[in-house]
Amino acid sequence: VRPVSLRVQATVSEFILLGFPCQKETQIILCMVFSIIYILTIMGNTSIICAVWSSQQLHTPMYTLLANFSFLEICYINSDVPKMLAILLSESKTISFTGCLLQFYFFFSMCASEGLFLSVMSFDRYLAICQPLHYSTIMTHNRCITLALFCWIGGFLGLLTPVILISQVPFCGPNIIDHFLCDLGPLLALSCAPVPRTTLACGAISSLIIFITFLYILGSYFHVLRAVLHVPSGSGRNKAFSTCASHFIVVSLFYGSVMVMYVSPGSGNQSGMQKFVTLFYSIATPFFNPLIYSLRNKDMKKALKKLLSKLFQRFPKGHKK
């Protein structure tokens, strides 16, 4: 039986990603919209990285984590959008078996890293508000770098087991994935034989990462809220609220969309809903993050204005005759 399984698996060398099956004119419009969002997302997150790098005032643990988070968002959106745009423009909608596994691994590894970064950022805000006197001794530069490395490495290590298990699943056709990326559910639905252990293991690992990080963030903000309520009303309380508001909005956007896939009954089985939710947390969230952090943060707005003024000062000088 085992040799037959290996031979059957080898019969599928590529998959077909349906993407958004609609008229060609609609696909062109979608391609233009997603291209604009993609470019603005890259520009927005790059501007945050440059602002943190160029401003000495922003060389703090909170902004170091934010710069790492912005770089993660750039990698995150690059793991699925370029292929999605190629599918919309091209008649050929194929992706190789290896390419599909790599896309799954990188996309969901960075999704896991995003959850870890949001947890570490909530820990940073907890220390800043609940233990301000000990903040500088606890959240040192070295510890901040260590936590950032933990988020990067932890996300990629966490998805190693699922991608190894999926690589051993037999695929013998059909090879059509009703999605714009290689997602877990649609991919396992194409297996030749039932794979309950693989489905259970992958679901358990992804659920653990999502719910542990989400519960940790909720716990951190519960303590933050309790501490803020003890602050006398006025500028102190407003500053504490504004410090966490941006981060909490980002957390709500990311986990609100991800939870729909895991908590809402039956939504994960509907391809239309599955595409919409995946589209939201894979494209919309990275797009809104720079806007949220820059518009609600005075220090970031100042750093961005300085960065833009420097660029505009240099631009005319280079074009003077």
Protein backbone atom coordinates (compact mmCIF):
# COMPACT_ATOMS: atom_id res chain seq x y z
CA VAL A 1 0.00 0.00 0.00
CA ARG A 2 2.84 2.43 0.89
CA PRO A 3 4.58 2.29 -2.54
CA VAL A 4 1.23 2.90 -4.28
CA SER A 5 0.68 5.99 -2.07
CA LEU A 6 4.05 7.40 -3.03
CA ARG A 7 3.41 6.81 -6.71
CA VAL A 8 -0.07 8.35 -6.52
CA GLN A 9 1.31 11.43 -4.75
CA ALA A 10 3.79 11.97 -7.56
CA THR A 11 0.98 12.15 -10.16
CA VAL A 12 0.11 15.70 -9.06
CA SER A 13 3.04 17.98 -9.83
CA GLU A 14 1.09 21.24 -9.84
CA PHE A 15 -2.14 22.82 -8.64
CA ILE A 16 -4.55 25.25 -10.27
CA LEU A 17 -5.51 28.27 -8.15
CA LEU A 18 -8.94 29.48 -9.26
CA GLY A 19 -8.51 32.82 -7.52
CA PHE A 20 -11.57 34.95 -8.31
CA PRO A 21 -13.52 33.28 -11.13
CA CYS A 22 -15.32 36.16 -12.86
CA GLN A 23 -15.32 38.07 -16.14
CA LYS A 24 -12.01 39.28 -17.55
CA GLU A 25 -12.96 42.94 -17.11
CA THR A 26 -13.72 42.37 -13.43
CA GLN A 27 -10.44 40.53 -12.96
CA ILE A 28 -8.55 43.50 -14.45
CA ILE A 29 -10.33 45.88 -12.06
CA LEU A 30 -9.52 43.61 -9.11
CA CYS A 31 -5.90 43.43 -10.26
CA MET A 32 -5.68 47.23 -10.37
CA VAL A 33 -7.26 47.62 -6.92
CA PHE A 34 -5.01 44.97 -5.33
CA SER A 35 -1.94 46.45 -7.07
CA ILE A 36 -2.66 49.90 -5.62
CA ILE A 37 -3.22 48.43 -2.12
CA TYR A 38 -0.01 46.39 -2.50
CA ILE A 39 2.10 49.42 -3.49
CA LEU A 40 0.62 51.63 -0.74
CA THR A 41 1.20 48.89 1.84
CA ILE A 42 4.86 48.56 0.85
CA MET A 43 5.29 52.35 0.90
CA GLY A 44 3.48 52.79 4.23
CA ASN A 45 5.40 50.10 6.11
CA THR A 46 8.70 51.17 4.54
CA SER A 47 8.09 54.74 5.68
CA ILE A 48 7.61 53.55 9.27
CA ILE A 49 10.89 51.60 9.12
CA CYS A 50 12.72 54.63 7.69
CA ALA A 51 11.15 56.96 10.28
CA VAL A 52 12.25 54.73 13.17
CA TRP A 53 15.73 54.34 11.68
CA SER A 54 16.23 58.07 11.01
CA SER A 55 14.81 59.49 14.26
CA GLN A 56 16.94 59.17 17.39
CA GLN A 57 13.82 59.81 19.48
CA LEU A 58 12.27 56.59 18.17
CA HIS A 59 15.21 54.36 19.10
CA THR A 60 13.19 52.75 21.90
CA PRO A 61 11.95 49.17 22.40
CA MET A 62 8.38 50.06 21.38
CA TYR A 63 9.43 51.52 18.04
CA THR A 64 12.08 48.85 17.45
CA LEU A 65 9.31 46.26 17.72
CA LEU A 66 7.10 48.40 15.48
CA ALA A 67 9.83 48.60 12.81
CA ASN A 68 10.22 44.81 12.93
CA PHE A 69 6.45 44.46 12.71
CA SER A 70 6.35 46.72 9.63
CA PHE A 71 9.09 44.69 7.95
CA LEU A 72 7.10 41.55 8.75
CA GLU A 73 4.05 43.08 7.06
CA ILE A 74 6.12 43.74 3.93
CA CYS A 75 7.26 40.10 3.85
CA TYR A 76 3.73 38.96 4.71
CA ILE A 77 2.03 40.70 1.79
CA ASN A 78 4.80 39.60 -0.59
CA SER A 79 4.12 35.94 0.22
CA ASP A 80 0.71 35.90 -1.50
CA VAL A 81 -0.16 39.10 -3.39
CA PRO A 82 2.36 38.83 -6.30
CA LYS A 83 1.12 35.33 -7.13
CA MET A 84 -2.50 36.46 -6.78
CA LEU A 85 -1.90 39.33 -9.22
CA ALA A 86 -0.21 36.93 -11.65
CA ILE A 87 -3.24 34.64 -11.47
CA LEU A 88 -5.60 37.53 -12.21
CA LEU A 89 -3.58 38.66 -15.24
CA SER A 90 -2.50 35.31 -16.67
CA GLU A 91 -4.49 32.61 -18.39
CA SER A 92 -2.29 30.04 -16.67
CA LYS A 93 -3.27 29.79 -13.01
CA THR A 94 -0.95 26.96 -12.05
CA ILE A 95 1.45 26.70 -9.13
CA SER A 96 3.89 23.85 -8.67
CA PHE A 97 3.53 21.37 -5.81
CA THR A 98 6.76 22.67 -4.23
CA GLY A 99 5.72 26.28 -4.83
CA CYS A 100 2.38 25.62 -3.17
CA LEU A 101 4.05 24.15 -0.08
CA LEU A 102 6.52 27.04 0.09
CA GLN A 103 3.74 29.61 -0.20
CA PHE A 104 1.77 27.85 2.55
CA TYR A 105 4.84 27.71 4.79
CA PHE A 106 5.98 31.32 4.37
CA PHE A 107 2.48 32.84 4.45
CA PHE A 108 1.33 31.08 7.61
CA SER A 109 4.75 31.31 9.30
CA MET A 110 4.56 35.08 8.99
CA CYS A 111 0.94 34.96 10.13
CA ALA A 112 2.13 33.14 13.28
CA SER A 113 5.00 35.62 13.69
CA GLU A 114 2.48 38.45 13.50
CA GLY A 115 0.55 36.96 16.41
CA LEU A 116 3.78 36.63 18.40
CA PHE A 117 4.80 40.22 17.62
CA LEU A 118 1.40 41.52 18.72
CA SER A 119 1.82 39.57 21.99
CA VAL A 120 5.30 40.99 22.61
CA MET A 121 4.07 44.51 21.79
CA SER A 122 1.24 44.10 24.30
CA PHE A 123 3.82 42.95 26.88
CA ASP A 124 5.83 46.10 26.14
CA ARG A 125 2.77 48.30 26.71
CA TYR A 126 1.96 46.39 29.90
CA LEU A 127 5.43 47.12 31.28
CA ALA A 128 5.30 50.78 30.22
CA ILE A 129 1.95 51.42 31.93
CA CYS A 130 1.75 48.92 34.78
CA GLN A 131 5.46 48.92 35.78
CA PRO A 132 6.88 52.23 34.49
CA LEU A 133 9.63 52.43 37.13
CA HIS A 134 11.02 49.02 36.15
CA TYR A 135 10.46 49.40 32.39
CA SER A 136 13.99 50.49 31.48
CA THR A 137 15.58 47.69 33.52
CA ILE A 138 13.27 44.95 32.21
CA MET A 139 12.84 45.99 28.56
CA THR A 140 16.50 46.57 27.71
CA HIS A 141 17.80 46.86 24.15
CA ASN A 142 19.21 43.31 24.24
CA ARG A 143 15.96 41.89 25.61
CA CYS A 144 14.00 43.73 22.93
CA ILE A 145 16.22 42.23 20.20
CA THR A 146 15.87 38.78 21.80
CA LEU A 147 12.07 39.08 21.83
CA ALA A 148 12.04 40.20 18.19
CA LEU A 149 14.20 37.21 17.21
CA PHE A 150 11.88 34.94 19.19
CA CYS A 151 8.90 36.22 17.17
CA TRP A 152 10.65 35.66 13.83
CA ILE A 153 12.08 32.23 14.66
CA GLY A 154 9.04 31.06 16.63
CA GLY A 155 6.66 31.68 13.73
CA PHE A 156 8.77 29.74 11.24
CA LEU A 157 9.46 26.86 13.65
CA GLY A 158 5.78 26.60 14.56
CA LEU A 159 4.77 25.88 10.94
CA LEU A 160 7.49 23.31 10.24
CA THR A 161 5.41 20.36 11.46
CA PRO A 162 2.27 21.25 9.41
CA VAL A 163 4.24 21.74 6.17
CA ILE A 164 6.10 18.44 6.66
CA LEU A 165 2.81 16.62 7.28
CA ILE A 166 1.19 18.20 4.21
CA SER A 167 4.18 17.24 2.04
CA GLN A 168 3.45 13.58 2.88
CA VAL A 169 -0.25 13.76 1.95
CA PRO A 170 -1.07 11.83 -1.27
CA PHE A 171 -2.53 13.96 -4.08
CA CYS A 172 -3.80 12.21 -7.20
CA GLY A 173 -6.34 14.69 -8.57
CA PRO A 174 -8.35 16.77 -8.97
CA ASN A 175 -5.78 19.52 -8.53
CA ILE A 176 -8.04 22.60 -8.56
CA ILE A 177 -7.87 24.78 -5.43
CA ASP A 178 -10.84 27.14 -5.10
CA HIS A 179 -8.74 29.90 -3.52
CA PHE A 180 -6.14 32.56 -4.42
CA LEU A 181 -3.46 30.90 -2.26
CA CYS A 182 -2.54 27.47 -0.94
CA ASP A 183 -4.65 27.43 2.21
CA LEU A 184 -4.82 24.44 4.56
CA GLY A 185 -8.48 23.47 4.16
CA PRO A 186 -8.76 23.57 0.35
CA LEU A 187 -5.39 21.84 0.03
CA LEU A 188 -6.22 18.90 2.31
CA ALA A 189 -9.62 18.56 0.62
CA LEU A 190 -7.78 17.40 -2.53
CA SER A 191 -6.01 14.46 -0.84
CA CYS A 192 -6.59 11.01 -2.34
CA ALA A 193 -7.35 9.46 1.02
CA PRO A 194 -8.72 10.84 4.31
CA VAL A 195 -5.95 12.34 6.45
CA PRO A 196 -7.63 12.93 9.84
CA ARG A 197 -4.36 12.91 11.79
CA THR A 198 -2.78 15.53 9.54
CA THR A 199 -5.93 17.66 9.67
CA LEU A 200 -6.09 17.37 13.46
CA ALA A 201 -2.38 18.11 13.97
CA CYS A 202 -2.39 21.14 11.65
CA GLY A 203 -5.60 22.47 13.17
CA ALA A 204 -4.32 21.98 16.71
CA ILE A 205 -1.02 23.77 16.04
CA SER A 206 -2.63 26.73 14.29
CA SER A 207 -5.35 26.99 16.97
CA LEU A 208 -2.78 26.89 19.76
CA ILE A 209 -0.76 29.71 18.20
CA ILE A 210 -3.86 31.84 17.60
CA PHE A 211 -5.63 31.34 20.92
CA ILE A 212 -2.55 31.42 23.18
CA THR A 213 -1.33 34.70 21.68
CA PHE A 214 -4.85 36.16 21.67
CA LEU A 215 -5.52 35.23 25.31
CA TYR A 216 -2.12 36.60 26.33
CA ILE A 217 -2.93 39.91 24.61
CA LEU A 218 -6.33 40.04 26.31
CA GLY A 219 -4.70 39.37 29.70
CA SER A 220 -2.11 42.09 29.13
CA TYR A 221 -4.74 44.65 28.20
CA PHE A 222 -6.93 43.65 31.13
CA HIS A 223 -4.10 44.63 33.48
CA VAL A 224 -3.38 47.76 31.42
CA LEU A 225 -7.04 48.85 31.56
CA ARG A 226 -7.19 48.20 35.30
CA ALA A 227 -4.06 50.30 35.82
CA VAL A 228 -5.32 53.12 33.59
CA LEU A 229 -8.60 53.34 35.49
CA HIS A 230 -6.61 54.07 38.67
CA VAL A 231 -4.89 57.01 36.95
CA PRO A 232 -6.56 60.36 37.78
CA SER A 233 -8.62 61.63 34.87
CA GLY A 234 -6.81 64.10 32.67
CA SER A 235 -3.72 64.11 30.50
CA GLY A 236 -2.17 61.10 32.23
CA ARG A 237 -5.13 58.84 31.53
CA ASN A 238 -5.56 60.16 27.98
CA LYS A 239 -1.88 59.57 27.22
CA ALA A 240 -2.08 56.01 28.57
CA PHE A 241 -5.16 55.29 26.48
CA SER A 242 -3.65 56.80 23.31
CA THR A 243 -0.47 54.76 23.84
CA CYS A 244 -2.39 51.49 23.55
CA ALA A 245 -5.20 52.55 21.21
CA SER A 246 -3.26 52.01 17.98
CA HIS A 247 -2.00 48.59 19.04
CA PHE A 248 -5.44 47.47 20.21
CA ILE A 249 -7.04 48.51 16.88
CA VAL A 250 -4.45 46.45 14.97
CA VAL A 251 -5.05 43.48 17.27
CA SER A 252 -8.82 43.77 16.71
CA LEU A 253 -8.42 43.89 12.92
CA PHE A 254 -6.08 40.90 12.77
CA TYR A 255 -7.70 38.59 15.30
CA GLY A 256 -11.22 39.67 14.43
CA SER A 257 -10.78 38.39 10.88
CA VAL A 258 -8.76 35.30 11.84
CA MET A 259 -11.28 34.27 14.50
CA VAL A 260 -14.06 34.19 11.90
CA MET A 261 -12.27 31.23 10.29
CA TYR A 262 -12.01 29.30 13.57
CA VAL A 263 -14.96 30.45 15.69
CA SER A 264 -17.80 31.20 13.28
CA PRO A 265 -19.62 27.89 12.57
CA GLY A 266 -19.47 26.80 8.94
CA SER A 267 -17.74 29.94 7.64
CA GLY A 268 -14.52 28.05 6.96
CA ASN A 269 -16.38 25.64 4.64
CA GLN A 270 -17.76 28.38 2.36
CA SER A 271 -15.20 29.24 -0.32
CA GLY A 272 -16.54 32.79 -0.79
CA MET A 273 -16.36 33.60 2.91
CA GLN A 274 -12.99 31.87 3.19
CA LYS A 275 -11.54 34.01 0.39
CA PHE A 276 -12.96 37.22 1.84
CA VAL A 277 -11.65 36.60 5.36
CA THR A 278 -8.23 35.51 4.08
CA LEU A 279 -8.16 38.57 1.83
CA PHE A 280 -8.89 40.79 4.81
CA TYR A 281 -6.20 39.56 7.20
CA SER A 282 -3.61 39.02 4.45
CA ILE A 283 -4.03 42.30 2.53
CA ALA A 284 -6.32 44.75 4.37
CA THR A 285 -4.63 44.42 7.78
CA PRO A 286 -1.07 45.13 6.50
CA PHE A 287 -2.53 48.06 4.53
CA PHE A 288 -4.28 49.67 7.52
CA ASN A 289 -1.47 49.12 10.05
CA PRO A 290 0.79 52.00 8.86
CA LEU A 291 -2.21 54.35 8.73
CA ILE A 292 -3.29 53.42 12.26
CA TYR A 293 0.17 53.73 13.78
CA SER A 294 1.11 56.95 11.98
CA LEU A 295 -2.20 58.81 12.35
CA ARG A 296 -2.67 58.04 16.06
CA ASN A 297 0.94 58.48 17.19
CA LYS A 298 2.32 62.00 17.64
CA ASP A 299 5.99 60.89 17.78
CA MET A 300 5.58 58.86 14.60
CA LYS A 301 3.88 61.76 12.82
CA LYS A 302 6.72 64.08 13.78
CA ALA A 303 9.34 61.58 12.59
CA LEU A 304 7.50 61.07 9.28
CA LYS A 305 7.21 64.84 8.73
CA LYS A 306 10.95 65.24 9.36
CA LEU A 307 11.71 62.38 7.00
CA LEU A 308 9.49 63.85 4.26
CA SER A 309 10.95 67.33 4.73
CA LYS A 310 14.48 65.95 4.32
CA LEU A 311 13.46 64.13 1.15
CA PHE A 312 11.79 67.23 -0.33
CA GLN A 313 14.80 69.37 0.57
CA ARG A 314 17.14 67.03 -1.27
CA PHE A 315 14.88 66.57 -4.30
CA PRO A 316 15.02 70.10 -5.76
CA LYS A 317 18.75 70.40 -5.06
CA GLY A 318 19.46 67.39 -7.26
CA HIS A 319 17.53 69.00 -10.15
CA LYS A 320 18.99 72.50 -10.06
CA LYS A 321 21.00 73.46 -13.07
